[in-house]
């Protein structure tokens, strides 16, 4: 019986017409220009309406400097905290079986399904003046809501999954053969982790940290609820942009917003470099 001949993949019958390919390309490029490049151009165009001097003056105002410093402080606390948790959780989930494993995975994904505004309201309910722990905190003169600790807690919550969600599938795909070989040769758990598991996951860690940092510095919803919008004290960069815009200081608002735009572009650059290495 004569074997059936297969049609080569490059056969014209298997390729889309050039009109279809051209239409798809035009749609993709058009959407990219309309929803990505035009907004980016608009941000920097408005930011430099008064020239480079006006741009620098907007960034050097005390309220803007306070917002930048607070954003860096919050990200500097939230990102390392989520990095430690993400590495520990992903290592446990990918390498071990234990009761409650499915529950832990569901909890990691919880911030993805909860609105940031709702998350902020939950923290107000817990730590506000009339919240569950409000009287106790007041007795100890501890202020969380409308203060930096509340902003840090809200930011940690919304950025909770990023590092863990990058590492879990990576470690699961790598398997545990090398770790088991190291243990059989006399290495203990910490030596195996530091010399084998962690180096193999370094790019996943870097990618997760980049995404976590970008979200931490750009978070608005949850931080807006718990911050109280106190100028010079609890306004982060996104909140300060809103305040300036509401005050009709468009140049200042877009100048400060350009910092977040530059952060987004830098994040994409680092992501692209990390995926190529």
Protein backbone atom coordinates (compact mmCIF):
# COMPACT_ATOMS: atom_id res chain seq x y z
CA UNK A 1 0.00 0.00 0.00
CA UNK A 2 1.43 3.34 -1.06
CA UNK A 3 2.24 5.64 1.84
CA UNK A 4 0.32 8.87 1.96
CA UNK A 5 2.54 11.81 1.18
CA UNK A 6 2.38 14.70 3.63
CA UNK A 7 2.02 18.27 2.45
CA UNK A 8 5.04 20.42 3.41
CA UNK A 9 4.37 23.07 6.01
CA UNK A 10 5.54 25.76 3.61
CA UNK A 11 3.02 24.69 0.91
CA UNK A 12 1.00 27.69 -0.28
CA UNK A 13 -2.25 25.95 0.70
CA UNK A 14 -1.24 26.06 4.36
CA UNK A 15 -0.36 29.76 4.39
CA UNK A 16 -2.76 32.60 4.98
CA UNK A 17 -3.34 34.99 2.09
CA UNK A 18 -1.16 38.08 2.11
CA UNK A 19 -4.24 40.23 2.64
CA UNK A 20 -4.99 38.45 5.94
CA UNK A 21 -1.41 38.81 7.13
CA UNK A 22 -1.34 42.47 6.14
CA UNK A 23 -4.63 43.13 7.94
CA UNK A 24 -3.41 41.43 11.12
CA UNK A 25 -0.14 43.37 11.00
CA UNK A 26 -1.96 46.68 10.48
CA UNK A 27 -4.30 45.93 13.40
CA UNK A 28 -1.43 44.98 15.72
CA UNK A 29 0.69 48.00 14.80
CA UNK A 30 -2.33 50.31 14.91
CA UNK A 31 -3.33 49.18 18.41
CA UNK A 32 0.27 49.48 19.61
CA UNK A 33 0.52 53.04 18.29
CA UNK A 34 -2.91 54.10 19.54
CA UNK A 35 -2.79 52.59 23.04
CA UNK A 36 0.97 52.59 23.78
CA UNK A 37 3.01 55.07 21.78
CA UNK A 38 0.48 57.93 21.67
CA UNK A 39 -0.07 57.92 25.49
CA UNK A 40 3.69 57.77 26.07
CA UNK A 41 4.25 60.68 23.72
CA UNK A 42 1.43 62.64 25.39
CA UNK A 43 2.93 62.17 28.87
CA UNK A 44 6.34 63.54 27.92
CA UNK A 45 4.90 66.23 25.65
CA UNK A 46 2.82 67.64 28.51
CA UNK A 47 5.65 67.20 31.01
CA UNK A 48 7.97 69.43 28.95
CA UNK A 49 5.41 72.12 28.10
CA UNK A 50 7.46 74.63 30.13
CA UNK A 51 10.78 73.29 28.95
CA UNK A 52 13.37 71.25 30.75
CA UNK A 53 13.71 73.88 33.48
CA UNK A 54 10.00 73.72 34.26
CA UNK A 55 10.21 69.94 34.26
CA UNK A 56 13.00 69.95 36.85
CA UNK A 57 11.22 72.56 38.97
CA UNK A 58 8.11 70.37 39.13
CA UNK A 59 10.17 67.42 40.33
CA UNK A 60 12.12 69.47 42.88
CA UNK A 61 9.10 70.80 44.76
CA UNK A 62 8.95 69.58 48.38
CA UNK A 63 5.68 67.68 47.89
CA UNK A 64 7.05 65.92 44.81
CA UNK A 65 10.29 65.03 46.60
CA UNK A 66 8.33 63.67 49.55
CA UNK A 67 6.19 61.53 47.23
CA UNK A 68 9.26 60.15 45.47
CA UNK A 69 11.01 59.34 48.74
CA UNK A 70 7.91 57.67 50.19
CA UNK A 71 7.42 55.59 47.03
CA UNK A 72 11.02 54.41 47.14
CA UNK A 73 10.70 53.61 50.85
CA UNK A 74 7.52 51.58 50.39
CA UNK A 75 8.96 49.68 47.42
CA UNK A 76 12.19 49.13 49.35
CA UNK A 77 10.22 47.37 52.09
CA UNK A 78 7.53 45.59 50.04
CA UNK A 79 9.78 44.10 47.36
CA UNK A 80 12.31 42.40 49.73
CA UNK A 81 9.44 41.12 51.89
CA UNK A 82 7.71 39.55 48.89
CA UNK A 83 11.03 38.28 47.59
CA UNK A 84 11.67 36.34 50.80
CA UNK A 85 8.12 34.98 50.88
CA UNK A 86 8.12 34.18 47.15
CA UNK A 87 11.33 32.16 47.31
CA UNK A 88 10.24 30.27 50.43
CA UNK A 89 6.71 29.55 49.13
CA UNK A 90 7.79 28.54 45.63
CA UNK A 91 10.54 26.25 46.99
CA UNK A 92 8.09 24.55 49.34
CA UNK A 93 5.35 24.19 46.71
CA UNK A 94 7.60 22.99 43.91
CA UNK A 95 9.82 20.61 45.90
CA UNK A 96 7.65 19.20 48.71
CA UNK A 97 4.22 17.72 49.34
CA UNK A 98 2.48 18.88 52.51
CA UNK A 99 -1.07 19.30 53.86
CA UNK A 100 -2.65 22.58 52.75
CA UNK A 101 -0.52 22.92 49.62
CA UNK A 102 -3.55 23.70 47.44
CA UNK A 103 -4.79 26.24 49.99
CA UNK A 104 -1.42 28.01 49.97
CA UNK A 105 -1.46 28.24 46.16
CA UNK A 106 -4.98 29.69 46.29
CA UNK A 107 -3.92 32.26 48.89
CA UNK A 108 -0.99 33.34 46.72
CA UNK A 109 -3.40 34.01 43.85
CA UNK A 110 -5.90 35.85 46.06
CA UNK A 111 -4.60 39.41 45.39
CA UNK A 112 -5.11 38.83 41.66
CA UNK A 113 -8.85 38.35 42.20
CA UNK A 114 -9.45 41.01 44.87
CA UNK A 115 -9.86 44.64 43.87
CA UNK A 116 -7.06 46.84 45.29
CA UNK A 117 -9.70 49.22 46.65
CA UNK A 118 -11.35 46.32 48.48
CA UNK A 119 -7.96 45.32 49.88
CA UNK A 120 -7.46 48.85 51.20
CA UNK A 121 -10.88 48.83 52.82
CA UNK A 122 -10.05 45.53 54.53
CA UNK A 123 -6.99 47.11 56.13
CA UNK A 124 -9.10 50.07 57.26
CA UNK A 125 -11.57 47.60 58.79
CA UNK A 126 -8.77 45.84 60.63
CA UNK A 127 -6.51 48.70 61.71
CA UNK A 128 -8.65 51.84 61.45
CA UNK A 129 -9.67 53.89 64.48
CA UNK A 130 -12.98 52.01 64.61
CA UNK A 131 -11.57 48.76 63.25
CA UNK A 132 -11.11 45.43 64.97
CA UNK A 133 -7.67 46.30 66.32
CA UNK A 134 -8.13 50.08 66.35
CA UNK A 135 -8.66 50.52 70.13
CA UNK A 136 -5.66 48.31 70.93
CA UNK A 137 -3.43 50.21 68.52
CA UNK A 138 -4.62 53.53 69.93
CA UNK A 139 -3.83 52.37 73.45
CA UNK A 140 -0.27 51.62 72.36
CA UNK A 141 -0.09 54.85 70.31
CA UNK A 142 0.51 52.88 67.10
CA UNK A 143 -0.82 54.39 63.88
CA UNK A 144 -1.19 52.20 60.79
CA UNK A 145 -4.00 53.68 58.72
CA UNK A 146 -3.27 57.14 57.26
CA UNK A 147 0.41 56.48 57.93
CA UNK A 148 3.37 54.77 56.29
CA UNK A 149 2.77 51.31 57.86
CA UNK A 150 -0.68 51.11 56.26
CA UNK A 151 0.74 52.02 52.85
CA UNK A 152 3.43 49.36 53.22
CA UNK A 153 0.88 46.69 54.23
CA UNK A 154 -1.43 47.54 51.32
CA UNK A 155 1.47 47.49 48.87
CA UNK A 156 2.74 44.15 50.15
CA UNK A 157 -0.73 42.68 49.71
CA UNK A 158 -1.23 43.77 46.09
CA UNK A 159 2.31 42.72 45.09
CA UNK A 160 2.15 39.47 47.06
CA UNK A 161 1.93 36.98 44.13
CA UNK A 162 4.47 38.33 41.65
CA UNK A 163 7.70 36.66 42.79
CA UNK A 164 6.06 33.41 43.84
CA UNK A 165 4.06 33.11 40.63
CA UNK A 166 7.20 33.52 38.54
CA UNK A 167 9.18 30.95 40.49
CA UNK A 168 6.63 28.17 41.10
CA UNK A 169 6.27 26.99 37.46
CA UNK A 170 10.00 27.49 36.86
CA UNK A 171 11.04 25.30 39.80
CA UNK A 172 8.39 22.71 38.96
CA UNK A 173 9.64 22.47 35.38
CA UNK A 174 13.25 22.03 36.51
CA UNK A 175 12.40 19.05 38.69
CA UNK A 176 14.41 17.88 41.67
CA UNK A 177 16.98 15.48 40.13
CA UNK A 178 19.96 17.76 40.79
CA UNK A 179 18.85 18.45 44.36
CA UNK A 180 18.46 14.73 45.06
CA UNK A 181 21.89 14.06 43.58
CA UNK A 182 23.42 16.72 45.82
CA UNK A 183 21.70 15.26 48.89
CA UNK A 184 22.94 11.79 48.02
CA UNK A 185 26.49 13.16 47.86
CA UNK A 186 26.24 14.53 51.40
CA UNK A 187 25.02 18.10 50.93
CA UNK A 188 22.48 19.37 53.44
CA UNK A 189 19.28 21.26 52.64
CA UNK A 190 20.75 24.75 52.85
CA UNK A 191 23.77 23.87 50.73
CA UNK A 192 21.49 22.36 48.10
CA UNK A 193 19.31 25.46 48.10
CA UNK A 194 22.13 28.02 47.88
CA UNK A 195 24.31 26.17 45.36
CA UNK A 196 21.76 24.45 43.10
CA UNK A 197 18.16 25.61 43.50
CA UNK A 198 18.77 29.35 43.81
CA UNK A 199 21.27 29.72 40.92
CA UNK A 200 18.93 27.85 38.57
CA UNK A 201 16.08 30.22 39.44
CA UNK A 202 18.03 33.49 39.35
CA UNK A 203 16.40 34.84 36.17
CA UNK A 204 12.94 33.97 37.41
CA UNK A 205 13.74 35.78 40.65
CA UNK A 206 14.97 38.82 38.74
CA UNK A 207 11.86 38.87 36.55
CA UNK A 208 9.56 38.54 39.57
CA UNK A 209 11.37 41.32 41.44
CA UNK A 210 11.13 43.64 38.44
CA UNK A 211 7.37 43.12 38.11
CA UNK A 212 6.87 43.38 41.86
CA UNK A 213 8.81 46.65 42.04
CA UNK A 214 6.94 48.17 39.10
CA UNK A 215 3.57 47.33 40.68
CA UNK A 216 4.69 48.53 44.12
CA UNK A 217 5.76 51.94 42.82
CA UNK A 218 2.70 52.35 40.63
CA UNK A 219 -0.03 51.08 43.00
CA UNK A 220 -2.90 53.51 43.40
CA UNK A 221 -6.16 51.88 44.55
CA UNK A 222 -5.22 50.21 47.83
CA UNK A 223 -2.74 52.94 48.77
CA UNK A 224 -5.33 55.64 48.08
CA UNK A 225 -7.71 54.10 50.62
CA UNK A 226 -5.22 53.70 53.48
CA UNK A 227 -3.07 56.81 52.94
CA UNK A 228 -5.44 59.66 53.78
CA UNK A 229 -3.90 61.78 50.98
CA UNK A 230 -1.82 63.87 53.38
CA UNK A 231 0.45 66.08 51.29
CA UNK A 232 4.10 65.72 52.10
CA UNK A 233 3.44 62.76 54.39
CA UNK A 234 1.39 59.92 52.87
CA UNK A 235 1.17 60.76 49.18
CA UNK A 236 3.08 58.38 46.91
CA UNK A 237 3.91 59.27 43.30
CA UNK A 238 0.56 58.07 41.84
CA UNK A 239 -1.40 59.90 44.56
CA UNK A 240 0.65 63.05 44.06
CA UNK A 241 -0.08 62.94 40.32
CA UNK A 242 -3.81 62.88 41.09
CA UNK A 243 -3.48 65.81 43.50
CA UNK A 244 -1.57 67.93 40.96
CA UNK A 245 -4.01 67.10 38.19
CA UNK A 246 -7.00 68.04 40.37
CA UNK A 247 -5.22 71.32 41.14
CA UNK A 248 -4.91 71.99 37.37
CA UNK A 249 -1.12 71.80 37.58
CA UNK A 250 -0.91 69.72 34.42
CA UNK A 251 2.80 70.24 33.81
CA UNK A 252 3.64 69.14 37.33
CA UNK A 253 1.26 66.18 37.15
CA UNK A 254 2.71 64.89 33.89
CA UNK A 255 6.27 65.61 35.01
CA UNK A 256 5.82 63.39 38.07
CA UNK A 257 3.87 60.85 35.99
CA UNK A 258 6.81 60.66 33.58
CA UNK A 259 8.84 59.08 36.38
CA UNK A 260 6.42 56.15 36.46
CA UNK A 261 6.51 56.01 32.67
CA UNK A 262 10.29 55.84 32.70
CA UNK A 263 10.05 53.11 35.33
CA UNK A 264 7.72 51.13 33.05
CA UNK A 265 10.07 51.49 30.09
CA UNK A 266 13.06 50.52 32.21
CA UNK A 267 11.13 47.49 33.50
CA UNK A 268 10.39 46.35 29.94
CA UNK A 269 14.05 46.80 29.00
CA UNK A 270 15.29 44.72 31.93
CA UNK A 271 12.63 42.09 31.24
CA UNK A 272 13.73 41.81 27.62
CA UNK A 273 17.38 41.51 28.58
CA UNK A 274 16.59 38.89 31.23
CA UNK A 275 14.60 36.71 28.81
CA UNK A 276 17.45 36.73 26.28
CA UNK A 277 20.15 35.61 28.72
